């Protein structure tokens, strides 16, 4: 079973959206995975996803209604196979949580591209998150399937 943690700054917009999409798309492909999301900052801990993310996700068939934000912790780097940041700022921030003893090296979810934060934007920005998240999840599914075939 693959274990993936998706990470953004507050864990109320991007990372829970990616998590919700990954849950649906991994299940459609029959991929067993433990999928979670977390924040590099603690100011939304315990709160649900942003109402705009919930609405746009639901419009596309992805539920974020049960989500509760949490902050990354050191144990995540031992527990997960992949710790994926939505942008370079959060990728850098993840280094302060990574244990001295190592653990998984965090990476960007979209490879070289960043998933822009829609928080201060409008509806089109939240739609763009869905579009990029779907694309990124599809790429991760293909990567994981290729890795499984290579074993």
Protein backbone atom coordinates (compact mmCIF):
# COMPACT_ATOMS: atom_id res chain seq x y z
CA UNK A 1 0.00 0.00 0.00
CA UNK A 2 1.27 3.42 -0.96
CA UNK A 3 1.08 6.20 1.64
CA UNK A 4 0.98 9.80 0.40
CA UNK A 5 0.73 13.07 2.34
CA UNK A 6 -0.27 16.20 0.40
CA UNK A 7 0.88 19.48 1.99
CA UNK A 8 0.02 23.16 1.59
CA UNK A 9 0.23 26.15 3.91
CA UNK A 10 -3.10 25.97 5.76
CA UNK A 11 -4.57 22.59 4.75
CA UNK A 12 -7.92 24.12 3.84
CA UNK A 13 -7.74 24.67 0.06
CA UNK A 14 -5.16 22.92 -2.11
CA UNK A 15 -3.98 19.88 -0.17
CA UNK A 16 -7.46 18.71 0.95
CA UNK A 17 -8.70 19.16 -2.62
CA UNK A 18 -5.84 17.04 -3.96
CA UNK A 19 -6.48 14.46 -1.22
CA UNK A 20 -10.20 14.25 -2.10
CA UNK A 21 -9.46 13.87 -5.82
CA UNK A 22 -6.77 11.27 -5.13
CA UNK A 23 -9.15 9.24 -2.96
CA UNK A 24 -11.72 9.03 -5.76
CA UNK A 25 -9.28 8.48 -8.62
CA UNK A 26 -7.11 5.93 -6.79
CA UNK A 27 -10.25 3.97 -5.86
CA UNK A 28 -11.44 4.05 -9.49
CA UNK A 29 -8.14 2.48 -10.52
CA UNK A 30 -8.18 -0.05 -7.67
CA UNK A 31 -5.03 1.36 -6.09
CA UNK A 32 -4.72 0.71 -2.37
CA UNK A 33 -3.40 3.87 -0.76
CA UNK A 34 -3.37 5.75 2.50
CA UNK A 35 -3.97 9.38 1.55
CA UNK A 36 -3.91 12.38 3.87
CA UNK A 37 -3.20 16.09 3.77
CA UNK A 38 -1.59 18.52 6.18
CA UNK A 39 -0.36 22.09 6.62
CA UNK A 40 3.02 23.65 7.19
CA UNK A 41 1.35 26.31 9.39
CA UNK A 42 -0.96 25.72 12.35
CA UNK A 43 -3.50 28.54 12.05
CA UNK A 44 -6.33 26.41 10.61
CA UNK A 45 -5.74 23.25 12.68
CA UNK A 46 -9.05 21.54 13.43
CA UNK A 47 -11.03 23.57 10.91
CA UNK A 48 -12.83 22.20 7.88
CA UNK A 49 -11.87 22.91 4.30
CA UNK A 50 -12.52 26.36 2.85
CA UNK A 51 -16.18 26.68 1.80
CA UNK A 52 -15.14 27.56 -1.75
CA UNK A 53 -13.01 24.40 -2.01
CA UNK A 54 -15.91 22.34 -0.67
CA UNK A 55 -18.32 23.84 -3.21
CA UNK A 56 -16.04 23.50 -6.23
CA UNK A 57 -15.00 20.00 -5.20
CA UNK A 58 -18.63 18.92 -4.80
CA UNK A 59 -19.50 20.38 -8.22
CA UNK A 60 -16.89 18.01 -9.68
CA UNK A 61 -17.89 14.98 -7.59
CA UNK A 62 -15.26 15.24 -4.83
CA UNK A 63 -16.27 15.54 -1.18
CA UNK A 64 -14.22 17.64 1.22
CA UNK A 65 -16.95 17.93 3.84
CA UNK A 66 -15.35 15.59 6.41
CA UNK A 67 -11.91 17.19 6.18
CA UNK A 68 -10.25 18.67 9.27
CA UNK A 69 -6.97 20.55 8.93
CA UNK A 70 -3.87 19.36 10.72
CA UNK A 71 -0.23 20.38 10.80
CA UNK A 72 2.64 18.25 9.52
CA UNK A 73 4.68 16.49 12.20
CA UNK A 74 8.06 14.78 12.23
CA UNK A 75 6.49 11.31 12.31
CA UNK A 76 4.90 11.98 8.89
CA UNK A 77 8.34 11.63 7.28
CA UNK A 78 8.59 8.06 8.58
CA UNK A 79 4.93 7.12 8.08
CA UNK A 80 4.44 8.24 4.47
CA UNK A 81 6.19 7.04 1.31
CA UNK A 82 5.69 10.43 -0.36
CA UNK A 83 5.33 13.88 1.22
CA UNK A 84 4.21 16.21 -1.56
CA UNK A 85 4.18 20.00 -1.32
CA UNK A 86 1.89 22.14 -3.44
CA UNK A 87 4.53 24.84 -4.02
CA UNK A 88 8.18 25.65 -3.42
CA UNK A 89 7.51 27.78 -0.33
CA UNK A 90 5.84 24.84 1.38
CA UNK A 91 8.54 22.49 0.11
CA UNK A 92 11.11 24.66 1.89
CA UNK A 93 8.91 24.88 5.00
CA UNK A 94 8.71 21.08 5.17
CA UNK A 95 12.43 20.96 5.89
CA UNK A 96 11.83 22.36 9.38
CA UNK A 97 9.65 19.34 10.18
CA UNK A 98 11.86 16.68 8.62
CA UNK A 99 13.73 14.72 11.31
CA UNK A 100 17.51 14.98 11.56
CA UNK A 101 17.59 11.21 11.05
CA UNK A 102 16.08 11.63 7.61
CA UNK A 103 12.85 10.07 6.54
CA UNK A 104 11.26 10.60 3.17
CA UNK A 105 12.52 13.56 1.14
CA UNK A 106 9.62 15.92 0.36
CA UNK A 107 8.93 16.78 -3.28
CA UNK A 108 6.62 18.96 -5.35
CA UNK A 109 3.26 17.34 -6.14
CA UNK A 110 3.34 18.56 -9.75
CA UNK A 111 7.02 17.91 -10.38
CA UNK A 112 8.55 21.17 -11.59
CA UNK A 113 5.24 23.07 -11.55
CA UNK A 114 3.51 24.64 -8.55
CA UNK A 115 -0.17 24.36 -7.63
CA UNK A 116 -1.13 28.03 -7.03
CA UNK A 117 -2.93 29.02 -3.85
CA UNK A 118 -6.53 30.07 -4.63
CA UNK A 119 -7.25 31.49 -1.16
CA UNK A 120 -7.17 35.17 -2.16
CA UNK A 121 -8.57 34.52 -5.62
CA UNK A 122 -11.95 33.98 -7.17
CA UNK A 123 -13.95 31.04 -8.53
CA UNK A 124 -11.64 30.58 -11.53
CA UNK A 125 -8.69 30.05 -9.17
CA UNK A 126 -10.52 27.25 -7.33
CA UNK A 127 -11.47 25.68 -10.67
CA UNK A 128 -7.81 25.82 -11.70
CA UNK A 129 -6.88 23.90 -8.53
CA UNK A 130 -9.31 21.14 -9.54
CA UNK A 131 -7.86 21.02 -13.06
CA UNK A 132 -4.23 20.88 -11.91
CA UNK A 133 -5.03 18.47 -9.09
CA UNK A 134 -6.71 16.04 -11.49
CA UNK A 135 -3.73 16.22 -13.81
CA UNK A 136 -1.27 15.73 -10.95
CA UNK A 137 -3.19 12.81 -9.46
CA UNK A 138 -3.37 11.15 -12.89
CA UNK A 139 0.40 11.52 -13.24
CA UNK A 140 0.96 10.00 -9.78
CA UNK A 141 -1.33 7.09 -10.63
CA UNK A 142 0.67 6.39 -13.78
CA UNK A 143 3.94 6.67 -11.87
CA UNK A 144 2.80 4.29 -9.15
CA UNK A 145 1.43 1.79 -11.67
CA UNK A 146 4.72 1.87 -13.60
CA UNK A 147 6.69 1.35 -10.39
CA UNK A 148 4.45 -1.59 -9.44
CA UNK A 149 5.03 -3.20 -12.85
CA UNK A 150 8.77 -2.79 -12.42
CA UNK A 151 8.82 -4.78 -9.17
